[in-house]
Structure formats: structure tokens, C-alpha cells
Amino acid sequence: MSEPVHARSALRLRLLLSAVFLPLFLAGAVFFGVWAADTAPGDSPGRGMLVVVAVVCAALTLLAAADLLVVARRLRNGHGPAGR
């Protein structure tokens, strides 16, 4: 009975986290991608593992970018703490 009718998320915190982690994930994707390209056969970690980590970082970059766009649109439309 004490739960709100409309759930609300901390949009400003999501905006901050997305803005901080987007460049970090992008840098990680580039770093691991370049490292994978420069790996010779028999090196440890192997090229396959580095490619997997680079792809995961790239996927997290896309996720952070999408969240950044959604949160910015919601804040612009007045869904923030002072918006309703």
C-alpha cells in the first residue's frame, strides 16, 4: 500500500553514470581491439579472448549511449524530480 503508483528512477544519476562510463567503455573497446590486432600466435591472453572483451566493451558503449539518449529525452520532457 505504501508503494508509489508510478515508479521513478534517478534520472540525473543515470545521466551521470552513462556520461562517465560511455567514454571508458569506448576506450576499453579500442584498447582491447588494438591489443587483439597486435597479438601474435601463442601470446597470452590469446587473440580470441581479447576480441571477446573488445566486443563486450563495444556493446556496453552502445548500451550507455542509448541510455544517455533516453535519459536526456526524459529530462527534456520534464520527467525529472522537479518535472511533475
Protein backbone atom coordinates (compact mmCIF):
# COMPACT_ATOMS: atom_id res chain seq x y z
CA MET A 1 0.00 0.00 0.00
CA SER A 2 2.92 2.35 0.52
CA GLU A 3 4.44 1.88 -2.95
CA PRO A 4 4.10 4.73 -5.43
CA VAL A 5 1.69 4.37 -8.33
CA HIS A 6 4.37 5.35 -10.87
CA ALA A 7 7.88 4.09 -10.31
CA ARG A 8 10.57 6.73 -10.86
CA SER A 9 14.26 6.26 -11.43
CA ALA A 10 17.09 8.59 -10.51
CA LEU A 11 17.45 10.13 -13.97
CA ARG A 12 20.26 12.51 -13.07
CA LEU A 13 22.29 9.65 -11.59
CA ARG A 14 21.68 7.55 -14.72
CA LEU A 15 22.76 10.54 -16.82
CA LEU A 16 25.96 10.92 -14.80
CA LEU A 17 26.78 7.20 -14.91
CA SER A 18 26.14 6.95 -18.64
CA ALA A 19 28.22 10.06 -19.32
CA VAL A 20 31.12 8.70 -17.26
CA PHE A 21 31.09 5.10 -18.48
CA LEU A 22 30.44 5.72 -22.18
CA PRO A 23 33.95 7.07 -22.86
CA LEU A 24 35.51 4.45 -20.56
CA PHE A 25 33.82 1.58 -22.40
CA LEU A 26 34.72 3.15 -25.73
CA ALA A 27 38.37 3.46 -24.67
CA GLY A 28 38.29 -0.16 -23.46
CA ALA A 29 36.88 -1.36 -26.78
CA VAL A 30 39.58 0.48 -28.72
CA PHE A 31 42.34 -0.62 -26.34
CA PHE A 32 41.41 -4.30 -26.42
CA GLY A 33 40.75 -4.20 -30.15
CA VAL A 34 44.20 -2.77 -30.86
CA TRP A 35 45.78 -5.23 -28.43
CA ALA A 36 43.98 -8.13 -30.14
CA ALA A 37 45.18 -6.94 -33.55
CA ASP A 38 48.76 -6.79 -32.27
CA THR A 39 48.71 -10.24 -30.63
CA ALA A 40 50.94 -12.92 -32.10
CA PRO A 41 50.06 -16.62 -32.10
CA GLY A 42 50.88 -18.18 -28.73
CA ASP A 43 50.64 -14.92 -26.78
CA SER A 44 48.72 -14.85 -23.53
CA PRO A 45 45.97 -13.71 -23.37
CA GLY A 46 45.01 -15.02 -26.76
CA ARG A 47 43.56 -13.03 -29.61
CA GLY A 48 40.12 -14.63 -29.23
CA MET A 49 39.75 -13.59 -25.61
CA LEU A 50 40.84 -10.04 -26.36
CA VAL A 51 38.32 -9.82 -29.20
CA VAL A 52 35.57 -11.03 -26.86
CA VAL A 53 36.47 -8.37 -24.29
CA ALA A 54 36.58 -5.69 -27.01
CA VAL A 55 33.14 -6.74 -28.27
CA VAL A 56 31.71 -6.69 -24.74
CA CYS A 57 33.13 -3.19 -24.21
CA ALA A 58 31.66 -2.08 -27.54
CA ALA A 59 28.24 -3.48 -26.58
CA LEU A 60 28.38 -1.68 -23.23
CA THR A 61 29.34 1.51 -25.09
CA LEU A 62 26.20 1.21 -27.22
CA LEU A 63 24.09 0.49 -24.15
CA ALA A 64 25.47 3.53 -22.32
CA ALA A 65 24.88 5.72 -25.39
CA ALA A 66 21.28 4.52 -25.71
CA ASP A 67 20.66 5.13 -22.00
CA LEU A 68 22.20 8.59 -22.30
CA LEU A 69 19.81 9.45 -25.12
CA VAL A 70 16.76 8.08 -23.31
CA VAL A 71 17.57 9.87 -20.06
CA ALA A 72 18.31 13.16 -21.82
CA ARG A 73 14.97 12.93 -23.66
CA ARG A 74 13.09 12.17 -20.44
CA LEU A 75 14.73 15.05 -18.61
CA ARG A 76 13.98 17.38 -21.51
CA ASN A 77 10.31 16.31 -21.44
CA GLY A 78 10.03 17.11 -17.75
CA HIS A 79 10.19 13.67 -16.17
CA GLY A 80 12.88 14.69 -13.69
CA PRO A 81 12.47 15.26 -9.95
CA ALA A 82 11.06 18.77 -10.41
CA GLY A 83 9.22 17.96 -13.63
CA ARG A 84 5.90 16.63 -12.34
